[in-house]
């Protein structure tokens, strides 16, 4: 194998890895969004007290972190 072939293989591998990471992040965001929606629904139904807001904060922070990577 020549240097060019090795470089091509490395680039393909890197692209596949990046694509896998992006796909995973998309799935994680779906899960987080569903969790936020569920939390809000439970809160509106009176099933959650204000003292458990930390769970929502964590979900929102995770969602923001996942979105930050998309900006850079």
N, C-alpha and C. Protein backbone atom coordinates (compact mmCIF):
# COMPACT_ATOMS: atom_id res chain seq x y z
N UNK A 1 0.84 -1.18 0.00
CA UNK A 1 0.00 0.00 0.00
C UNK A 1 0.88 1.24 0.00
N UNK A 2 0.54 2.20 -0.83
CA UNK A 2 1.29 3.44 -0.89
C UNK A 2 0.80 4.43 0.15
N UNK A 3 1.55 5.48 0.29
CA UNK A 3 1.21 6.51 1.27
C UNK A 3 -0.16 7.12 0.99
N UNK A 4 -0.47 7.37 -0.27
CA UNK A 4 -1.75 7.96 -0.63
C UNK A 4 -2.90 7.04 -0.25
N UNK A 5 -2.73 5.76 -0.47
CA UNK A 5 -3.78 4.80 -0.10
C UNK A 5 -3.98 4.79 1.41
N UNK A 6 -2.89 4.83 2.16
CA UNK A 6 -2.99 4.85 3.61
C UNK A 6 -3.69 6.12 4.09
N UNK A 7 -3.34 7.23 3.48
CA UNK A 7 -3.98 8.49 3.85
C UNK A 7 -5.47 8.46 3.52
N UNK A 8 -5.83 7.88 2.39
CA UNK A 8 -7.24 7.76 2.02
C UNK A 8 -7.99 6.88 3.01
N UNK A 9 -7.39 5.76 3.40
CA UNK A 9 -8.01 4.88 4.38
C UNK A 9 -8.20 5.60 5.71
N UNK A 10 -7.19 6.34 6.12
CA UNK A 10 -7.27 7.08 7.38
C UNK A 10 -8.37 8.13 7.31
N UNK A 11 -8.46 8.86 6.22
CA UNK A 11 -9.51 9.87 6.05
C UNK A 11 -10.90 9.22 6.08
N UNK A 12 -11.05 8.12 5.39
CA UNK A 12 -12.34 7.42 5.39
C UNK A 12 -12.72 6.98 6.78
N UNK A 13 -11.74 6.43 7.50
CA UNK A 13 -11.99 5.99 8.87
C UNK A 13 -12.40 7.18 9.75
N UNK A 14 -11.69 8.30 9.62
CA UNK A 14 -12.01 9.49 10.40
C UNK A 14 -13.41 10.01 10.07
N UNK A 15 -13.76 10.01 8.80
CA UNK A 15 -15.10 10.46 8.39
C UNK A 15 -16.19 9.54 8.93
N UNK A 16 -15.95 8.24 8.89
CA UNK A 16 -16.92 7.29 9.43
C UNK A 16 -17.07 7.48 10.94
N UNK A 17 -15.96 7.73 11.61
CA UNK A 17 -16.00 7.95 13.06
C UNK A 17 -16.79 9.21 13.38
N UNK A 18 -16.52 10.28 12.66
CA UNK A 18 -17.24 11.54 12.87
C UNK A 18 -18.72 11.36 12.59
N UNK A 19 -19.05 10.66 11.52
CA UNK A 19 -20.45 10.42 11.18
C UNK A 19 -21.15 9.64 12.29
N UNK A 20 -20.46 8.65 12.86
CA UNK A 20 -21.03 7.87 13.96
C UNK A 20 -21.27 8.73 15.19
N UNK A 21 -20.32 9.61 15.49
CA UNK A 21 -20.46 10.50 16.64
C UNK A 21 -21.64 11.45 16.43
N UNK A 22 -21.75 12.03 15.24
CA UNK A 22 -22.86 12.94 14.96
C UNK A 22 -24.20 12.24 15.05
N UNK A 23 -24.27 11.01 14.57
CA UNK A 23 -25.50 10.24 14.66
C UNK A 23 -25.87 9.97 16.11
N UNK A 24 -24.88 9.60 16.91
CA UNK A 24 -25.13 9.36 18.34
C UNK A 24 -25.63 10.62 19.03
N UNK A 25 -24.98 11.76 18.73
CA UNK A 25 -25.40 13.01 19.34
C UNK A 25 -26.84 13.34 18.97
N UNK A 26 -27.22 13.07 17.74
CA UNK A 26 -28.59 13.31 17.30
C UNK A 26 -29.57 12.46 18.11
N UNK A 27 -29.21 11.21 18.32
CA UNK A 27 -30.06 10.32 19.11
C UNK A 27 -30.14 10.77 20.57
N UNK A 28 -29.00 11.20 21.14
CA UNK A 28 -29.00 11.68 22.53
C UNK A 28 -29.88 12.91 22.67
N UNK A 29 -29.84 13.81 21.67
CA UNK A 29 -30.67 15.01 21.74
C UNK A 29 -32.14 14.64 21.70
N UNK A 30 -32.51 13.63 20.93
CA UNK A 30 -33.90 13.19 20.89
C UNK A 30 -34.34 12.69 22.27
N UNK A 31 -33.47 11.93 22.91
CA UNK A 31 -33.78 11.40 24.24
C UNK A 31 -33.91 12.54 25.24
N UNK A 32 -33.00 13.50 25.17
CA UNK A 32 -33.03 14.63 26.09
C UNK A 32 -34.28 15.47 25.87
N UNK A 33 -34.62 15.73 24.62
CA UNK A 33 -35.82 16.50 24.32
C UNK A 33 -37.07 15.80 24.85
N UNK A 34 -37.12 14.49 24.69
CA UNK A 34 -38.26 13.73 25.20
C UNK A 34 -38.31 13.81 26.72
N UNK A 35 -37.14 13.75 27.36
CA UNK A 35 -37.08 13.87 28.82
C UNK A 35 -37.55 15.23 29.29
N UNK A 36 -37.14 16.28 28.59
CA UNK A 36 -37.57 17.63 28.95
C UNK A 36 -39.08 17.77 28.78
N UNK A 37 -39.60 17.27 27.67
CA UNK A 37 -41.05 17.35 27.42
C UNK A 37 -41.81 16.59 28.50
N UNK A 38 -41.31 15.44 28.88
CA UNK A 38 -41.97 14.64 29.92
C UNK A 38 -41.95 15.37 31.25
N UNK A 39 -40.79 15.96 31.58
CA UNK A 39 -40.66 16.69 32.84
C UNK A 39 -41.66 17.84 32.89
N UNK A 40 -41.75 18.61 31.80
CA UNK A 40 -42.68 19.74 31.75
C UNK A 40 -44.12 19.26 31.90
N UNK A 41 -44.45 18.18 31.20
CA UNK A 41 -45.81 17.62 31.29
C UNK A 41 -46.13 17.18 32.72
N UNK A 42 -45.19 16.48 33.34
CA UNK A 42 -45.40 16.03 34.72
C UNK A 42 -45.51 17.21 35.68
N UNK A 43 -44.71 18.25 35.43
CA UNK A 43 -44.77 19.45 36.27
C UNK A 43 -46.14 20.12 36.13
N UNK A 44 -46.60 20.26 34.89
CA UNK A 44 -47.90 20.90 34.65
C UNK A 44 -49.04 20.09 35.26
N UNK A 45 -48.88 18.77 35.31
CA UNK A 45 -49.91 17.91 35.90
C UNK A 45 -49.83 17.87 37.42
N UNK A 46 -48.83 18.54 37.99
CA UNK A 46 -48.69 18.58 39.45
C UNK A 46 -47.97 17.38 40.03
N UNK A 47 -47.32 16.58 39.19
CA UNK A 47 -46.63 15.39 39.67
C UNK A 47 -45.20 15.67 40.10
N UNK A 48 -44.73 16.88 39.87
CA UNK A 48 -43.35 17.25 40.22
C UNK A 48 -43.40 18.51 41.07
N UNK A 49 -42.65 18.48 42.15
CA UNK A 49 -42.56 19.65 43.01
C UNK A 49 -41.34 20.47 42.59
N UNK A 50 -41.35 21.72 42.97
CA UNK A 50 -40.27 22.63 42.60
C UNK A 50 -38.91 22.12 43.06
N UNK A 51 -38.82 21.38 44.12
CA UNK A 51 -37.52 20.93 44.63
C UNK A 51 -36.83 19.95 43.69
N UNK A 52 -37.51 19.44 42.69
CA UNK A 52 -36.89 18.50 41.75
C UNK A 52 -36.50 19.15 40.43
N UNK A 53 -36.44 20.46 40.43
CA UNK A 53 -36.08 21.20 39.22
C UNK A 53 -34.67 20.85 38.76
N UNK A 54 -33.83 20.35 39.64
CA UNK A 54 -32.46 20.00 39.28
C UNK A 54 -32.41 18.99 38.13
N UNK A 55 -33.37 18.09 38.08
CA UNK A 55 -33.41 17.12 36.98
C UNK A 55 -33.60 17.83 35.64
N UNK A 56 -34.49 18.80 35.60
CA UNK A 56 -34.71 19.57 34.37
C UNK A 56 -33.46 20.35 34.02
N UNK A 57 -32.83 20.96 35.00
CA UNK A 57 -31.61 21.73 34.76
C UNK A 57 -30.54 20.85 34.12
N UNK A 58 -30.38 19.64 34.63
CA UNK A 58 -29.38 18.72 34.08
C UNK A 58 -29.70 18.37 32.62
N UNK A 59 -30.96 18.11 32.33
CA UNK A 59 -31.36 17.79 30.96
C UNK A 59 -31.08 18.97 30.02
N UNK A 60 -31.41 20.17 30.47
CA UNK A 60 -31.19 21.36 29.65
C UNK A 60 -29.69 21.57 29.43
N UNK A 61 -28.89 21.40 30.48
CA UNK A 61 -27.44 21.57 30.34
C UNK A 61 -26.86 20.55 29.36
N UNK A 62 -27.33 19.32 29.42
CA UNK A 62 -26.87 18.31 28.46
C UNK A 62 -27.23 18.69 27.04
N UNK A 63 -28.44 19.17 26.86
CA UNK A 63 -28.88 19.57 25.53
C UNK A 63 -28.03 20.72 25.00
N UNK A 64 -27.74 21.69 25.85
CA UNK A 64 -26.90 22.83 25.45
C UNK A 64 -25.49 22.36 25.10
N UNK A 65 -24.93 21.47 25.88
CA UNK A 65 -23.58 20.96 25.59
C UNK A 65 -23.54 20.26 24.23
N UNK A 66 -24.55 19.47 23.94
CA UNK A 66 -24.59 18.79 22.65
C UNK A 66 -24.74 19.80 21.51
N UNK A 67 -25.47 20.87 21.73
CA UNK A 67 -25.64 21.87 20.69
C UNK A 67 -24.39 22.72 20.50
N UNK A 68 -23.63 22.95 21.55
CA UNK A 68 -22.40 23.75 21.46
C UNK A 68 -21.45 23.17 20.44
N UNK A 69 -21.30 21.87 20.45
CA UNK A 69 -20.38 21.22 19.52
C UNK A 69 -20.76 21.50 18.07
N UNK A 70 -22.03 21.70 17.82
CA UNK A 70 -22.50 21.96 16.46
C UNK A 70 -22.08 23.35 15.98
N UNK A 71 -21.78 24.24 16.90
CA UNK A 71 -21.42 25.62 16.53
C UNK A 71 -19.98 25.74 16.09
N UNK A 72 -19.13 24.83 16.52
CA UNK A 72 -17.70 24.97 16.25
C UNK A 72 -17.19 23.92 15.29
